[in-house]
Amino acid sequence: HPLPRLSLQEVGPTMVGDEHSDPSLMNFLGATKRNVLGNNFWEYYVNDAPRVVLNKLESCGYRVVSMTGVGQTLVWCLHKE
């Protein structure tokens, strides 16, 4: 389950999923579903900093397997065994 678009410079919001994400996981994270003007897709976000989101995901068994940066955006890929 990838965790898209974690912002490097801001403490929130943190994008945590898309319209196909597990609703129970999005609920656990306290995420809100939104559609940003101009986008043809929905995304889930939280106002928490990325480190808070990663700690929550770790508590339910997810582990970071890779991370990359694109401009001022960080993308974390996680795996749950």
N, C-alpha and C. Protein backbone atom coordinates (compact mmCIF):
# COMPACT_ATOMS: atom_id res chain seq x y z
N HIS A 1 0.84 -1.17 0.00
CA HIS A 1 0.00 0.00 0.00
C HIS A 1 0.88 1.23 0.00
N PRO A 2 1.02 1.92 -1.13
CA PRO A 2 1.85 3.12 -1.15
C PRO A 2 1.19 4.27 -0.40
N LEU A 3 2.01 5.11 0.13
CA LEU A 3 1.56 6.29 0.84
C LEU A 3 2.03 7.49 0.05
N PRO A 4 1.20 8.04 -0.85
CA PRO A 4 1.69 9.04 -1.78
C PRO A 4 1.82 10.44 -1.20
N ARG A 5 2.75 11.21 -1.74
CA ARG A 5 2.89 12.64 -1.58
C ARG A 5 2.98 13.13 -0.15
N LEU A 6 3.98 12.72 0.55
CA LEU A 6 4.23 13.29 1.87
C LEU A 6 5.11 14.51 1.69
N SER A 7 4.66 15.64 2.15
CA SER A 7 5.37 16.89 1.92
C SER A 7 6.59 17.02 2.82
N LEU A 8 7.72 17.43 2.24
CA LEU A 8 8.97 17.59 2.97
C LEU A 8 8.96 18.84 3.85
N GLN A 9 8.41 19.95 3.37
CA GLN A 9 8.54 21.21 4.08
C GLN A 9 7.38 21.50 5.03
N GLU A 10 6.23 20.90 4.81
CA GLU A 10 5.08 21.20 5.63
C GLU A 10 4.87 20.11 6.68
N VAL A 11 4.15 20.45 7.73
CA VAL A 11 3.82 19.46 8.75
C VAL A 11 2.48 18.81 8.45
N GLY A 12 1.77 19.28 7.50
CA GLY A 12 0.49 18.73 7.08
C GLY A 12 -0.09 19.66 6.04
N PRO A 13 -1.07 19.25 5.26
CA PRO A 13 -1.65 17.92 5.30
C PRO A 13 -0.74 16.88 4.65
N THR A 14 -0.98 15.63 4.97
CA THR A 14 -0.24 14.51 4.40
C THR A 14 -1.21 13.68 3.57
N MET A 15 -0.89 13.47 2.30
CA MET A 15 -1.72 12.63 1.45
C MET A 15 -1.45 11.17 1.82
N VAL A 16 -2.51 10.42 2.08
CA VAL A 16 -2.33 9.05 2.56
C VAL A 16 -2.99 7.99 1.68
N GLY A 17 -3.70 8.37 0.65
CA GLY A 17 -4.33 7.36 -0.19
C GLY A 17 -5.11 7.96 -1.34
N ASP A 18 -5.63 7.07 -2.19
CA ASP A 18 -6.47 7.49 -3.30
C ASP A 18 -7.85 6.87 -3.15
N GLU A 19 -8.70 7.05 -4.17
CA GLU A 19 -10.08 6.58 -4.06
C GLU A 19 -10.20 5.07 -3.93
N HIS A 20 -9.13 4.34 -4.20
CA HIS A 20 -9.16 2.87 -4.12
C HIS A 20 -8.55 2.35 -2.81
N SER A 21 -8.18 3.24 -1.91
CA SER A 21 -7.55 2.85 -0.64
C SER A 21 -8.56 2.15 0.28
N ASP A 22 -8.03 1.33 1.17
CA ASP A 22 -8.84 0.60 2.15
C ASP A 22 -9.56 1.58 3.07
N PRO A 23 -10.90 1.61 3.04
CA PRO A 23 -11.64 2.56 3.87
C PRO A 23 -11.39 2.39 5.37
N SER A 24 -11.19 1.16 5.82
CA SER A 24 -10.95 0.96 7.26
C SER A 24 -9.58 1.52 7.66
N LEU A 25 -8.58 1.39 6.79
CA LEU A 25 -7.27 1.96 7.08
C LEU A 25 -7.34 3.49 7.06
N MET A 26 -8.07 4.05 6.09
CA MET A 26 -8.22 5.51 6.02
C MET A 26 -8.94 6.02 7.28
N ASN A 27 -9.91 5.27 7.76
CA ASN A 27 -10.61 5.63 8.99
C ASN A 27 -9.66 5.59 10.19
N PHE A 28 -8.82 4.55 10.26
CA PHE A 28 -7.84 4.42 11.34
C PHE A 28 -6.90 5.63 11.37
N LEU A 29 -6.51 6.11 10.18
CA LEU A 29 -5.61 7.26 10.09
C LEU A 29 -6.33 8.58 10.33
N GLY A 30 -7.67 8.55 10.36
CA GLY A 30 -8.44 9.78 10.51
C GLY A 30 -8.46 10.61 9.25
N ALA A 31 -8.38 9.94 8.10
CA ALA A 31 -8.27 10.63 6.82
C ALA A 31 -9.61 11.14 6.31
N THR A 32 -9.54 12.21 5.55
CA THR A 32 -10.69 12.81 4.89
C THR A 32 -10.51 12.65 3.38
N LYS A 33 -11.59 12.29 2.69
CA LYS A 33 -11.54 12.12 1.24
C LYS A 33 -11.90 13.45 0.58
N ARG A 34 -11.11 13.86 -0.42
CA ARG A 34 -11.40 15.11 -1.12
C ARG A 34 -11.03 15.01 -2.59
N ASN A 35 -11.60 15.93 -3.36
CA ASN A 35 -11.27 16.08 -4.77
C ASN A 35 -10.78 17.51 -4.96
N VAL A 36 -9.53 17.66 -5.33
CA VAL A 36 -8.94 18.99 -5.53
C VAL A 36 -9.34 19.50 -6.92
N LEU A 37 -9.76 20.74 -6.99
CA LEU A 37 -10.18 21.36 -8.24
C LEU A 37 -9.12 21.13 -9.32
N GLY A 38 -9.56 20.62 -10.46
CA GLY A 38 -8.66 20.36 -11.58
C GLY A 38 -8.18 18.93 -11.66
N ASN A 39 -8.33 18.16 -10.58
CA ASN A 39 -7.94 16.74 -10.59
C ASN A 39 -9.15 15.89 -10.94
N ASN A 40 -8.92 14.81 -11.67
CA ASN A 40 -10.02 13.90 -12.01
C ASN A 40 -9.98 12.65 -11.12
N PHE A 41 -9.47 12.79 -9.91
CA PHE A 41 -9.40 11.68 -8.97
C PHE A 41 -9.61 12.21 -7.56
N TRP A 42 -9.92 11.30 -6.64
CA TRP A 42 -10.10 11.63 -5.23
C TRP A 42 -8.86 11.19 -4.46
N GLU A 43 -8.59 11.85 -3.35
CA GLU A 43 -7.46 11.49 -2.51
C GLU A 43 -7.87 11.60 -1.04
N TYR A 44 -7.17 10.84 -0.20
CA TYR A 44 -7.37 10.93 1.24
C TYR A 44 -6.20 11.70 1.83
N TYR A 45 -6.47 12.55 2.82
CA TYR A 45 -5.42 13.30 3.48
C TYR A 45 -5.71 13.40 4.97
N VAL A 46 -4.67 13.67 5.73
CA VAL A 46 -4.78 13.97 7.16
C VAL A 46 -4.00 15.24 7.41
N ASN A 47 -4.27 15.91 8.52
CA ASN A 47 -3.53 17.12 8.87
C ASN A 47 -2.27 16.81 9.67
N ASP A 48 -2.01 15.52 9.94
CA ASP A 48 -0.82 15.11 10.68
C ASP A 48 0.44 15.23 9.84
N ALA A 49 1.56 15.39 10.53
CA ALA A 49 2.87 15.36 9.86
C ALA A 49 3.17 13.94 9.39
N PRO A 50 4.00 13.79 8.36
CA PRO A 50 4.33 12.45 7.86
C PRO A 50 4.85 11.50 8.95
N ARG A 51 5.65 11.99 9.88
CA ARG A 51 6.19 11.10 10.93
C ARG A 51 5.08 10.53 11.79
N VAL A 52 4.03 11.30 12.04
CA VAL A 52 2.89 10.82 12.83
C VAL A 52 2.16 9.72 12.06
N VAL A 53 1.95 9.94 10.77
CA VAL A 53 1.28 8.94 9.92
C VAL A 53 2.11 7.66 9.87
N LEU A 54 3.41 7.79 9.66
CA LEU A 54 4.27 6.61 9.59
C LEU A 54 4.27 5.85 10.91
N ASN A 55 4.26 6.54 12.04
CA ASN A 55 4.19 5.87 13.34
C ASN A 55 2.88 5.12 13.50
N LYS A 56 1.76 5.72 13.08
CA LYS A 56 0.47 5.03 13.15
C LYS A 56 0.48 3.77 12.29
N LEU A 57 1.02 3.88 11.08
CA LEU A 57 1.06 2.72 10.18
C LEU A 57 1.97 1.63 10.73
N GLU A 58 3.08 2.02 11.34
CA GLU A 58 3.97 1.03 11.95
C GLU A 58 3.26 0.28 13.07
N SER A 59 2.42 0.97 13.83
CA SER A 59 1.71 0.33 14.94
C SER A 59 0.73 -0.74 14.47
N CYS A 60 0.34 -0.70 13.21
CA CYS A 60 -0.55 -1.76 12.71
C CYS A 60 0.14 -2.66 11.68
N GLY A 61 1.48 -2.70 11.73
CA GLY A 61 2.22 -3.71 10.98
C GLY A 61 2.85 -3.30 9.66
N TYR A 62 2.73 -2.04 9.28
CA TYR A 62 3.36 -1.59 8.02
C TYR A 62 4.81 -1.22 8.26
N ARG A 63 5.63 -1.46 7.25
CA ARG A 63 7.05 -1.11 7.30
C ARG A 63 7.44 -0.36 6.03
N VAL A 64 8.28 0.66 6.17
CA VAL A 64 8.78 1.40 5.02
C VAL A 64 9.75 0.51 4.25
N VAL A 65 9.52 0.38 2.94
CA VAL A 65 10.44 -0.41 2.10
C VAL A 65 11.23 0.48 1.14
N SER A 66 10.72 1.68 0.85
CA SER A 66 11.48 2.60 0.02
C SER A 66 10.90 4.01 0.16
N MET A 67 11.73 4.97 -0.25
CA MET A 67 11.32 6.37 -0.22
C MET A 67 12.07 7.07 -1.35
N THR A 68 11.39 8.02 -1.98
CA THR A 68 12.03 8.83 -3.01
C THR A 68 11.50 10.25 -2.91
N GLY A 69 12.25 11.17 -3.44
CA GLY A 69 11.83 12.57 -3.47
C GLY A 69 11.63 13.04 -4.89
N VAL A 70 10.57 13.82 -5.11
CA VAL A 70 10.29 14.43 -6.40
C VAL A 70 10.01 15.90 -6.12
N GLY A 71 10.97 16.75 -6.42
CA GLY A 71 10.81 18.16 -6.07
C GLY A 71 10.72 18.31 -4.56
N GLN A 72 9.66 18.95 -4.09
CA GLN A 72 9.45 19.12 -2.66
C GLN A 72 8.50 18.05 -2.10
N THR A 73 8.29 16.99 -2.85
CA THR A 73 7.38 15.92 -2.46
C THR A 73 8.17 14.66 -2.13
N LEU A 74 7.79 13.99 -1.05
CA LEU A 74 8.36 12.68 -0.71
C LEU A 74 7.29 11.62 -0.91
N VAL A 75 7.70 10.48 -1.43
CA VAL A 75 6.80 9.34 -1.62
C VAL A 75 7.37 8.18 -0.85
N TRP A 76 6.58 7.63 0.07
CA TRP A 76 6.98 6.49 0.90
C TRP A 76 6.21 5.27 0.43
N CYS A 77 6.88 4.15 0.21
CA CYS A 77 6.21 2.89 -0.11
C CYS A 77 6.33 1.99 1.11
N LEU A 78 5.18 1.43 1.52
CA LEU A 78 5.14 0.58 2.71
C LEU A 78 4.62 -0.79 2.35
N HIS A 79 4.91 -1.76 3.21
CA HIS A 79 4.45 -3.14 3.03
C HIS A 79 3.97 -3.67 4.36
N LYS A 80 2.90 -4.44 4.31
CA LYS A 80 2.39 -5.07 5.52
C LYS A 80 2.49 -6.58 5.33
N GLU A 81 3.17 -7.24 6.27
CA GLU A 81 3.34 -8.70 6.15
C GLU A 81 2.17 -9.42 6.75
